[in-house]
Amino acid sequence: MSTPGHSRDVSLNVSRSTGITVFQTTPARLVWTADDQIQVIDTSPMGDQQLVFSARPPEITKASYVAGPSVAEQSYLTLRTGTSKVKVDLGRARPTPHQGESVEQYNQRVAQVGIPPRRWWIDRLATYGVPAKFWSFGKIFVLTFLIAIGTIAAIVLAIALISTF
């Protein structure tokens, strides 16, 4: 599998987050065009499309990727500009089929080109100077664990101090 280069479009079918819960999503397409335009296009089963995000890398003020525990789990890429924000789930992302492409042609193209690695979007944005952060599941787990231990230690210490008086 090759890594997508800078000279071709990368288009993935994803889910776009539309609310605060994991159930508030809509089907979408995440595209990085050959001329460096990043777009998120909502799609519908009827074929309707609506552009909900469009920016060039220098216009993006912040990008973050929060990885799930495995490739198939929810993994969110969030992109922010001065006026908008979009959050897409890359966990189950698949290359967008080309118009008129047969199943065999699609499978051959995916086998040849592959799907961009999890960090591809963040790493590529970072090459443009975009503040981009990658949060792995392990990093989030360790931070959560340390915060929980710190909280428990603070409570035990407070109880010990109170009981001495």
Protein backbone atom coordinates (compact mmCIF):
# COMPACT_ATOMS: atom_id res chain seq x y z
CA MET A 1 0.00 0.00 0.00
CA SER A 2 1.36 3.40 -0.92
CA THR A 3 0.86 6.60 1.03
CA PRO A 4 -1.16 9.27 -0.78
CA GLY A 5 1.09 11.90 -2.24
CA HIS A 6 0.66 15.58 -2.84
CA SER A 7 -0.38 15.23 -6.49
CA ARG A 8 -3.76 13.52 -6.34
CA ASP A 9 -7.13 13.80 -4.67
CA VAL A 10 -7.77 11.83 -1.50
CA SER A 11 -11.48 11.27 -0.91
CA LEU A 12 -12.91 9.23 1.96
CA ASN A 13 -16.46 8.38 2.92
CA VAL A 14 -16.79 9.26 6.62
CA SER A 15 -19.37 10.26 9.22
CA ARG A 16 -19.58 13.92 10.23
CA SER A 17 -20.47 14.73 13.81
CA THR A 18 -23.50 17.03 14.00
CA GLY A 19 -23.97 17.14 17.77
CA ILE A 20 -22.48 16.27 21.11
CA THR A 21 -23.31 12.55 21.13
CA VAL A 22 -21.86 9.77 18.99
CA PHE A 23 -25.35 9.17 17.59
CA GLN A 24 -25.62 12.61 16.00
CA THR A 25 -23.87 12.00 12.69
CA THR A 26 -24.48 12.31 8.99
CA PRO A 27 -22.78 10.56 6.06
CA ALA A 28 -20.12 12.76 4.51
CA ARG A 29 -17.09 12.80 2.26
CA LEU A 30 -13.72 14.18 3.41
CA VAL A 31 -11.62 15.37 0.47
CA TRP A 32 -8.08 16.74 0.13
CA THR A 33 -7.81 17.86 -3.49
CA ALA A 34 -4.66 17.84 -5.60
CA ASP A 35 -4.67 21.66 -5.43
CA ASP A 36 -4.70 21.58 -1.59
CA GLN A 37 -8.34 22.31 -0.85
CA ILE A 38 -9.80 20.43 2.13
CA GLN A 39 -13.54 19.87 1.91
CA VAL A 40 -16.24 18.10 3.87
CA ILE A 41 -19.35 17.36 1.84
CA ASP A 42 -22.51 15.96 3.43
CA THR A 43 -24.04 13.20 1.33
CA SER A 44 -27.42 11.52 1.33
CA PRO A 45 -28.65 8.15 0.03
CA MET A 46 -30.58 10.09 -2.65
CA GLY A 47 -27.32 11.54 -3.97
CA ASP A 48 -27.78 15.05 -2.59
CA GLN A 49 -24.57 16.81 -1.60
CA GLN A 50 -23.92 19.89 0.52
CA LEU A 51 -20.53 21.50 1.07
CA VAL A 52 -20.22 22.13 4.83
CA PHE A 53 -16.50 22.91 5.10
CA SER A 54 -13.91 24.17 2.66
CA ALA A 55 -10.47 25.54 3.51
CA ARG A 56 -6.88 25.55 2.38
CA PRO A 57 -4.29 24.36 4.93
CA PRO A 58 -3.06 27.92 5.78
CA GLU A 59 -6.65 28.88 6.70
CA ILE A 60 -6.89 26.11 9.30
CA THR A 61 -6.09 27.49 12.75
CA LYS A 62 -6.13 24.20 14.65
CA ALA A 63 -6.38 20.50 13.87
CA SER A 64 -6.63 17.54 16.21
CA TYR A 65 -6.99 13.81 15.81
CA VAL A 66 -8.22 11.65 18.67
CA ALA A 67 -7.63 7.98 17.89
CA GLY A 68 -9.84 5.18 19.15
CA PRO A 69 -8.43 1.97 20.67
CA SER A 70 -8.34 0.30 17.25
CA VAL A 71 -8.49 1.31 13.60
CA ALA A 72 -12.19 0.38 13.35
CA GLU A 73 -13.22 2.39 16.42
CA GLN A 74 -14.38 5.99 16.41
CA SER A 75 -11.43 8.25 15.70
CA TYR A 76 -12.17 11.92 15.27
CA LEU A 77 -10.41 14.49 13.10
CA THR A 78 -11.41 18.05 14.03
CA LEU A 79 -10.52 21.00 11.81
CA ARG A 80 -11.01 24.64 12.82
CA THR A 81 -10.76 27.89 10.88
CA GLY A 82 -11.46 31.39 12.13
CA THR A 83 -15.16 30.99 11.31
CA SER A 84 -15.98 27.28 11.25
CA LYS A 85 -15.32 23.88 12.76
CA VAL A 86 -15.91 20.38 11.46
CA LYS A 87 -15.48 17.00 13.14
CA VAL A 88 -15.40 13.75 11.18
CA ASP A 89 -15.02 10.13 12.25
CA LEU A 90 -12.15 8.46 10.40
CA GLY A 91 -12.55 5.16 12.27
CA ARG A 92 -14.53 3.48 9.52
CA ALA A 93 -13.44 5.70 6.63
CA ARG A 94 -13.35 4.13 3.19
CA PRO A 95 -12.15 5.53 -0.13
CA THR A 96 -14.94 7.15 -2.10
CA PRO A 97 -15.93 5.12 -5.18
CA HIS A 98 -15.40 6.93 -8.49
CA GLN A 99 -18.44 7.53 -10.65
CA GLY A 100 -19.01 4.56 -12.96
CA GLU A 101 -16.39 2.46 -11.16
CA SER A 102 -17.25 -1.25 -10.87
CA VAL A 103 -16.82 -3.20 -7.64
CA GLU A 104 -13.81 -4.97 -9.15
CA GLN A 105 -12.22 -1.67 -10.24
CA TYR A 106 -12.87 -0.16 -6.81
CA ASN A 107 -11.33 -3.15 -5.01
CA GLN A 108 -8.30 -3.06 -7.32
CA ARG A 109 -7.82 0.70 -6.77
CA VAL A 110 -8.13 0.37 -2.98
CA ALA A 111 -5.67 -2.56 -2.98
CA GLN A 112 -3.20 -0.56 -5.06
CA VAL A 113 -3.54 2.89 -3.46
CA GLY A 114 -4.78 1.97 0.01
CA ILE A 115 -6.33 4.11 2.70
CA PRO A 116 -4.27 6.94 4.23
CA PRO A 117 -2.74 5.97 7.59
CA ARG A 118 -4.38 7.33 10.72
CA ARG A 119 -1.86 10.17 11.12
CA TRP A 120 -1.73 11.19 7.45
CA TRP A 121 -4.18 14.10 7.76
CA ILE A 122 -2.53 15.58 10.88
CA ASP A 123 1.01 15.00 9.65
CA ARG A 124 0.27 16.59 6.29
CA LEU A 125 -1.40 19.62 7.90
CA ALA A 126 1.62 20.04 10.17
CA THR A 127 3.84 20.42 7.07
CA TYR A 128 1.85 23.59 6.33
CA GLY A 129 2.51 24.97 9.82
CA VAL A 130 -0.97 24.16 11.14
CA PRO A 131 -1.02 23.53 14.92
CA ALA A 132 -1.91 19.84 14.73
CA LYS A 133 -2.19 17.44 17.65
CA PHE A 134 -2.46 13.67 17.62
CA TRP A 135 -4.02 12.08 20.69
CA SER A 136 -3.58 8.32 20.78
CA PHE A 137 -5.90 6.12 22.82
CA GLY A 138 -2.95 5.19 25.06
CA LYS A 139 -2.11 8.83 25.78
CA ILE A 140 -5.73 9.60 26.66
CA PHE A 141 -5.96 6.47 28.85
CA VAL A 142 -2.75 7.34 30.75
CA LEU A 143 -3.84 10.96 31.30
CA THR A 144 -7.27 9.85 32.52
CA PHE A 145 -5.66 7.28 34.83
CA LEU A 146 -3.25 9.87 36.28
CA ILE A 147 -6.05 12.37 36.84
CA ALA A 148 -8.14 9.69 38.59
CA ILE A 149 -5.21 8.66 40.83
CA GLY A 150 -4.50 12.32 41.63
CA THR A 151 -8.14 12.94 42.51
CA ILE A 152 -8.29 9.85 44.75
CA ALA A 153 -5.02 10.87 46.44
CA ALA A 154 -6.36 14.39 47.05
CA ILE A 155 -9.56 13.01 48.58
CA VAL A 156 -7.64 10.57 50.83
CA LEU A 157 -5.30 13.38 51.90
CA ALA A 158 -8.24 15.70 52.63
CA ILE A 159 -9.96 13.00 54.71
CA ALA A 160 -6.72 12.32 56.60
CA LEU A 161 -6.24 16.02 57.35
CA ILE A 162 -9.85 16.46 58.45
CA SER A 163 -9.74 13.39 60.71
CA THR A 164 -6.62 14.68 62.52
CA PHE A 165 -8.49 17.75 63.76
